[in-house]
Amino acid sequence: MAKIQEATTRLFKNVFVCKKCHTKIRAKQLKILEGKVKCRKCGRKAFRPLKKK
């Protein structure tokens, strides 16, 4: 895991992963919760936050 705060923010803030095809997408959390964002690859609207290593 990145120890520098700026690097951690850049890598993990507003990054979500599609639950079906595991594609990463960067979007605001509010839009994810409202269901306004869909996956570019499969078209689903189910996302989870990116896990920190």
N, C-alpha and C. Protein backbone atom coordinates (compact mmCIF):
# COMPACT_ATOMS: atom_id res chain seq x y z
N MET A 1 0.83 -1.17 0.00
CA MET A 1 0.00 0.00 0.00
C MET A 1 0.89 1.24 0.00
N ALA A 2 0.46 2.25 -0.71
CA ALA A 2 1.22 3.48 -0.79
C ALA A 2 1.19 4.21 0.55
N LYS A 3 2.36 4.65 0.99
CA LYS A 3 2.45 5.32 2.27
C LYS A 3 2.26 6.82 2.15
N ILE A 4 2.43 7.35 0.96
CA ILE A 4 2.27 8.79 0.77
C ILE A 4 0.79 9.08 0.58
N GLN A 5 0.30 10.05 1.33
CA GLN A 5 -1.14 10.37 1.32
C GLN A 5 -1.64 10.74 -0.07
N GLU A 6 -0.87 11.52 -0.82
CA GLU A 6 -1.31 11.94 -2.15
C GLU A 6 -1.43 10.75 -3.09
N ALA A 7 -0.51 9.81 -2.99
CA ALA A 7 -0.55 8.62 -3.83
C ALA A 7 -1.74 7.74 -3.47
N THR A 8 -2.02 7.58 -2.20
CA THR A 8 -3.16 6.80 -1.77
C THR A 8 -4.46 7.41 -2.27
N THR A 9 -4.57 8.72 -2.19
CA THR A 9 -5.75 9.41 -2.67
C THR A 9 -5.93 9.21 -4.17
N ARG A 10 -4.86 9.33 -4.92
CA ARG A 10 -4.93 9.18 -6.37
C ARG A 10 -5.32 7.75 -6.78
N LEU A 11 -4.81 6.77 -6.07
CA LEU A 11 -5.04 5.38 -6.45
C LEU A 11 -6.41 4.84 -6.03
N PHE A 12 -6.93 5.30 -4.89
CA PHE A 12 -8.11 4.66 -4.32
C PHE A 12 -9.35 5.54 -4.21
N LYS A 13 -9.23 6.86 -4.30
CA LYS A 13 -10.39 7.73 -4.13
C LYS A 13 -11.27 7.69 -5.37
N ASN A 14 -12.55 7.45 -5.16
CA ASN A 14 -13.56 7.42 -6.22
C ASN A 14 -13.30 6.35 -7.28
N VAL A 15 -12.65 5.24 -6.90
CA VAL A 15 -12.43 4.14 -7.83
C VAL A 15 -13.29 2.97 -7.38
N PHE A 16 -14.09 2.45 -8.31
CA PHE A 16 -15.00 1.35 -8.02
C PHE A 16 -14.77 0.24 -9.04
N VAL A 17 -15.17 -0.98 -8.66
CA VAL A 17 -14.97 -2.16 -9.50
C VAL A 17 -16.33 -2.79 -9.78
N CYS A 18 -16.56 -3.16 -11.05
CA CYS A 18 -17.79 -3.82 -11.44
C CYS A 18 -17.84 -5.20 -10.77
N LYS A 19 -18.99 -5.58 -10.24
CA LYS A 19 -19.11 -6.86 -9.55
C LYS A 19 -19.16 -8.04 -10.51
N LYS A 20 -19.46 -7.79 -11.77
CA LYS A 20 -19.54 -8.90 -12.72
C LYS A 20 -18.24 -9.10 -13.49
N CYS A 21 -17.74 -8.04 -14.14
CA CYS A 21 -16.58 -8.20 -15.02
C CYS A 21 -15.29 -7.64 -14.43
N HIS A 22 -15.33 -7.08 -13.22
CA HIS A 22 -14.16 -6.59 -12.49
C HIS A 22 -13.43 -5.46 -13.21
N THR A 23 -14.14 -4.64 -13.95
CA THR A 23 -13.56 -3.48 -14.60
C THR A 23 -13.54 -2.31 -13.62
N LYS A 24 -12.42 -1.59 -13.58
CA LYS A 24 -12.31 -0.42 -12.71
C LYS A 24 -12.90 0.80 -13.40
N ILE A 25 -13.59 1.62 -12.62
CA ILE A 25 -14.15 2.87 -13.14
C ILE A 25 -14.01 3.93 -12.06
N ARG A 26 -13.71 5.15 -12.48
CA ARG A 26 -13.59 6.26 -11.55
C ARG A 26 -14.83 7.12 -11.67
N ALA A 27 -15.55 7.27 -10.57
CA ALA A 27 -16.77 8.07 -10.55
C ALA A 27 -17.01 8.54 -9.12
N LYS A 28 -17.84 9.55 -8.97
CA LYS A 28 -18.17 10.04 -7.64
C LYS A 28 -19.06 9.03 -6.92
N GLN A 29 -18.87 8.93 -5.61
CA GLN A 29 -19.58 7.95 -4.82
C GLN A 29 -21.10 8.16 -4.85
N LEU A 30 -21.53 9.40 -4.89
CA LEU A 30 -22.95 9.69 -4.90
C LEU A 30 -23.62 9.17 -6.17
N LYS A 31 -22.94 9.31 -7.32
CA LYS A 31 -23.50 8.80 -8.56
C LYS A 31 -23.56 7.28 -8.57
N ILE A 32 -22.57 6.62 -7.96
CA ILE A 32 -22.58 5.16 -7.86
C ILE A 32 -23.78 4.71 -7.02
N LEU A 33 -24.00 5.36 -5.89
CA LEU A 33 -25.10 4.99 -5.01
C LEU A 33 -26.46 5.25 -5.64
N GLU A 34 -26.58 6.29 -6.44
CA GLU A 34 -27.85 6.60 -7.11
C GLU A 34 -28.10 5.71 -8.32
N GLY A 35 -27.08 4.99 -8.78
CA GLY A 35 -27.23 4.10 -9.92
C GLY A 35 -27.16 4.80 -11.26
N LYS A 36 -26.52 5.95 -11.31
CA LYS A 36 -26.42 6.71 -12.55
C LYS A 36 -25.24 6.29 -13.42
N VAL A 37 -24.33 5.47 -12.86
CA VAL A 37 -23.13 5.05 -13.58
C VAL A 37 -23.29 3.60 -13.96
N LYS A 38 -22.98 3.28 -15.23
CA LYS A 38 -22.99 1.88 -15.62
C LYS A 38 -21.63 1.49 -16.19
N CYS A 39 -21.36 0.21 -16.15
CA CYS A 39 -20.07 -0.33 -16.58
C CYS A 39 -19.91 -0.15 -18.09
N ARG A 40 -18.70 0.24 -18.49
CA ARG A 40 -18.42 0.41 -19.92
C ARG A 40 -18.41 -0.92 -20.66
N LYS A 41 -18.02 -1.97 -19.95
CA LYS A 41 -17.81 -3.27 -20.58
C LYS A 41 -19.09 -4.11 -20.65
N CYS A 42 -19.79 -4.24 -19.52
CA CYS A 42 -20.95 -5.15 -19.49
C CYS A 42 -22.29 -4.43 -19.31
N GLY A 43 -22.28 -3.15 -18.91
CA GLY A 43 -23.52 -2.39 -18.80
C GLY A 43 -24.25 -2.50 -17.47
N ARG A 44 -23.71 -3.22 -16.52
CA ARG A 44 -24.36 -3.35 -15.22
C ARG A 44 -24.13 -2.11 -14.36
N LYS A 45 -24.94 -1.98 -13.31
CA LYS A 45 -24.83 -0.84 -12.41
C LYS A 45 -24.42 -1.24 -11.00
N ALA A 46 -23.88 -2.45 -10.84
CA ALA A 46 -23.47 -2.96 -9.53
C ALA A 46 -21.96 -2.78 -9.38
N PHE A 47 -21.55 -1.96 -8.42
CA PHE A 47 -20.14 -1.68 -8.18
C PHE A 47 -19.80 -1.88 -6.72
N ARG A 48 -18.51 -2.08 -6.46
CA ARG A 48 -17.98 -2.15 -5.10
C ARG A 48 -16.74 -1.27 -5.06
N PRO A 49 -16.35 -0.79 -3.88
CA PRO A 49 -15.12 -0.01 -3.78
C PRO A 49 -13.89 -0.86 -4.07
N LEU A 50 -12.84 -0.24 -4.55
CA LEU A 50 -11.58 -0.92 -4.81
C LEU A 50 -10.93 -1.27 -3.47
N LYS A 51 -10.49 -2.52 -3.32
CA LYS A 51 -9.86 -2.96 -2.07
C LYS A 51 -8.42 -2.46 -2.00
N LYS A 52 -8.03 -2.00 -0.83
CA LYS A 52 -6.65 -1.57 -0.62
C LYS A 52 -5.81 -2.79 -0.25
N LYS A 53 -4.64 -2.89 -0.81
CA LYS A 53 -3.78 -4.06 -0.57
C LYS A 53 -3.04 -3.96 0.73
